[in-house]
Protein backbone atom coordinates (compact mmCIF):
# COMPACT_ATOMS: atom_id res chain seq x y z
CA MET A 1 0.00 0.00 0.00
CA HIS A 2 1.46 3.31 -1.06
CA VAL A 3 0.66 6.45 0.87
CA GLY A 4 -1.35 8.65 -1.45
CA ASN A 5 -4.82 10.00 -0.97
CA PHE A 6 -5.61 6.83 0.98
CA ASP A 7 -3.42 7.04 4.08
CA PRO A 8 -2.42 4.04 6.24
CA THR A 9 -4.98 4.79 8.98
CA ALA A 10 -7.81 5.03 6.45
CA TYR A 11 -6.61 1.84 4.75
CA ALA A 12 -6.60 -0.04 8.07
CA ALA A 13 -10.15 1.19 8.77
CA TRP A 14 -11.21 0.11 5.27
CA GLU A 15 -9.73 -3.37 5.79
CA LYS A 16 -11.53 -3.70 9.13
CA MET A 17 -14.82 -2.57 7.58
CA VAL A 18 -14.45 -5.07 4.73
CA ALA A 19 -13.65 -7.89 7.18
CA SER A 20 -16.56 -6.98 9.47
CA HIS A 21 -19.27 -6.82 6.81
CA ASP A 22 -20.35 -9.23 4.14
CA PHE A 23 -19.49 -7.19 1.05
CA GLU A 24 -19.79 -9.06 -2.22
CA ARG A 25 -16.63 -7.31 -3.34
CA ALA A 26 -14.38 -4.52 -2.18
CA GLU A 27 -11.85 -2.49 -4.07
CA PHE A 28 -9.99 0.77 -3.62
CA ALA A 29 -8.15 3.31 -5.72
CA GLU A 30 -5.32 5.38 -4.31
CA SER A 31 -3.48 8.51 -5.36
CA VAL A 32 -6.45 9.78 -7.36
CA ALA A 33 -6.02 13.45 -8.24
CA PHE A 34 -9.04 15.62 -7.54
CA GLU A 35 -9.23 16.29 -11.28
CA GLN A 36 -9.67 12.54 -11.92
CA ALA A 37 -12.23 11.97 -9.18
CA VAL A 38 -15.35 12.17 -11.37
CA GLU A 39 -13.95 9.52 -13.69
CA THR A 40 -12.88 7.23 -10.83
CA LEU A 41 -16.11 7.59 -8.84
CA THR A 42 -18.18 7.06 -12.00
CA ASP A 43 -16.22 3.89 -12.74
CA PHE A 44 -17.02 2.43 -9.31
CA ALA A 45 -20.70 3.35 -9.62
CA ARG A 46 -21.00 1.95 -13.17
CA ARG A 47 -19.46 -1.32 -12.04
CA GLY A 48 -22.22 -1.68 -9.49
CA PHE A 49 -20.55 -0.88 -6.19
CA GLY A 50 -23.31 0.01 -3.74
CA LEU A 51 -21.01 2.00 -1.46
CA VAL A 52 -18.28 4.36 -2.66
CA ILE A 53 -16.11 6.15 -0.10
CA ALA A 54 -14.06 9.22 -1.00
CA HIS A 55 -11.34 9.87 1.56
CA SER A 56 -10.92 13.65 1.46
CA GLU A 57 -13.14 16.68 1.50
CA GLY A 58 -11.37 17.65 -1.72
CA TYR A 59 -13.55 15.10 -3.54
CA GLN A 60 -16.79 16.75 -2.39
CA ALA A 61 -17.70 18.42 -5.71
CA ALA A 62 -16.99 15.23 -7.65
CA VAL A 63 -19.03 13.11 -5.22
CA HIS A 64 -22.04 15.42 -5.50
CA ARG A 65 -21.81 15.42 -9.29
CA VAL A 66 -21.53 11.64 -9.63
CA ALA A 67 -24.07 10.88 -6.88
CA ALA A 68 -26.70 12.80 -8.83
CA GLU A 69 -26.17 10.42 -11.76
CA PHE A 70 -26.23 7.23 -9.63
CA PRO A 71 -29.01 7.54 -7.04
CA GLU A 72 -28.83 3.83 -6.15
CA THR A 73 -25.19 4.11 -5.09
CA ARG A 74 -24.31 5.42 -1.64
CA PHE A 75 -21.43 7.86 -1.59
CA VAL A 76 -19.57 8.79 1.59
CA ILE A 77 -16.93 11.47 2.08
CA THR A 78 -14.53 10.96 4.99
CA PRO A 79 -12.08 13.61 6.17
CA ALA A 80 -8.41 13.03 5.46
CA GLY A 81 -5.81 13.77 8.06
């Protein structure tokens, strides 16, 4: 795991969440530039992920934009740092 937008503490929390719940699948993307967030979030939503977590308030605009297009997907923004 490389430290990028997804820091080690957030990654550990993600691993614990995945282990504690019965997700059909779990995947993450790291080091996503804010300018690439719409594309990355859209990709997760199009592939049918029911929960998409963006780990930084910097993704807020992208989350709101993509969430409007995918009302069946739950998007969460967590603070970084």
